[in-house]
Amino acid sequence: FEYDDWLATQCGCPMVESWRKGMYEAASVNRGARPETYRDEWDDHDL
């Protein structure tokens, strides 16, 4: 996200929020664990 934050700063926009970064990272882990069904299954039992 370093480039995204840099680009946002250059454009005068707010940087990427930390919760969005966390969601992206969690989705990436889910995609790696279940590449065929990561859109359909989500481990959110702790929520």
C-alpha atoms as a PDB file:
ATOM      1  CA  PHE A   1       0.000   0.000   0.000  1.00  0.00           C
ATOM      2  CA  GLU A   2       3.027   2.252   0.021  1.00  0.00           C
ATOM      3  CA  TYR A   3       2.467   3.298  -3.597  1.00  0.00           C
ATOM      4  CA  ASP A   4      -1.275   3.790  -3.053  1.00  0.00           C
ATOM      5  CA  ASP A   5      -0.619   6.030  -0.062  1.00  0.00           C
ATOM      6  CA  TRP A   6       2.038   7.971  -1.965  1.00  0.00           C
ATOM      7  CA  LEU A   7      -0.284   8.469  -4.933  1.00  0.00           C
ATOM      8  CA  ALA A   8      -3.138   9.607  -2.697  1.00  0.00           C
ATOM      9  CA  THR A   9      -0.835  12.127  -1.037  1.00  0.00           C
ATOM     10  CA  GLN A  10       0.305  13.454  -4.417  1.00  0.00           C
ATOM     11  CA  CYS A  11      -3.331  13.947  -5.456  1.00  0.00           C
ATOM     12  CA  GLY A  12      -4.356  15.537  -2.176  1.00  0.00           C
ATOM     13  CA  CYS A  13      -6.601  12.605  -1.286  1.00  0.00           C
ATOM     14  CA  PRO A  14      -6.698  10.742   2.027  1.00  0.00           C
ATOM     15  CA  MET A  15      -4.502   7.669   2.332  1.00  0.00           C
ATOM     16  CA  VAL A  16      -5.990   4.183   2.387  1.00  0.00           C
ATOM     17  CA  GLU A  17      -7.656   3.531   5.740  1.00  0.00           C
ATOM     18  CA  SER A  18      -6.088   0.826   7.901  1.00  0.00           C
ATOM     19  CA  TRP A  19      -9.320  -1.181   8.027  1.00  0.00           C
ATOM     20  CA  ARG A  20      -9.332  -1.385   4.217  1.00  0.00           C
ATOM     21  CA  LYS A  21      -5.761  -2.634   4.255  1.00  0.00           C
ATOM     22  CA  GLY A  22      -6.767  -5.283   6.802  1.00  0.00           C
ATOM     23  CA  MET A  23      -9.735  -6.377   4.696  1.00  0.00           C
ATOM     24  CA  TYR A  24      -7.531  -6.685   1.616  1.00  0.00           C
ATOM     25  CA  GLU A  25      -4.969  -8.762   3.507  1.00  0.00           C
ATOM     26  CA  ALA A  26      -7.672 -11.033   4.971  1.00  0.00           C
ATOM     27  CA  ALA A  27      -9.209 -11.530   1.528  1.00  0.00           C
ATOM     28  CA  SER A  28      -5.792 -12.381   0.112  1.00  0.00           C
ATOM     29  CA  VAL A  29      -5.263 -15.054   2.771  1.00  0.00           C
ATOM     30  CA  ASN A  30      -8.727 -16.458   2.043  1.00  0.00           C
ATOM     31  CA  ARG A  31      -7.996 -16.457  -1.702  1.00  0.00           C
ATOM     32  CA  GLY A  32      -4.751 -18.349  -1.128  1.00  0.00           C
ATOM     33  CA  ALA A  33      -6.412 -20.932   1.093  1.00  0.00           C
ATOM     34  CA  ARG A  34      -9.436 -21.509  -1.175  1.00  0.00           C
ATOM     35  CA  PRO A  35      -8.727 -20.244  -4.700  1.00  0.00           C
ATOM     36  CA  GLU A  36     -11.832 -21.845  -6.209  1.00  0.00           C
ATOM     37  CA  THR A  37     -14.369 -20.793  -3.567  1.00  0.00           C
ATOM     38  CA  TYR A  38     -12.895 -17.806  -1.732  1.00  0.00           C
ATOM     39  CA  ARG A  39     -15.770 -15.592  -2.876  1.00  0.00           C
ATOM     40  CA  ASP A  40     -18.370 -18.016  -1.528  1.00  0.00           C
ATOM     41  CA  GLU A  41     -16.834 -19.033   1.812  1.00  0.00           C
ATOM     42  CA  TRP A  42     -15.630 -16.793   4.603  1.00  0.00           C
ATOM     43  CA  ASP A  43     -14.388 -17.698   8.070  1.00  0.00           C
ATOM     44  CA  ASP A  44     -16.303 -15.143  10.092  1.00  0.00           C
ATOM     45  CA  HIS A  45     -17.538 -17.247  12.973  1.00  0.00           C
ATOM     46  CA  ASP A  46     -15.644 -15.068  15.444  1.00  0.00           C
ATOM     47  CA  LEU A  47     -17.554 -11.918  14.455  1.00  0.00           C
END
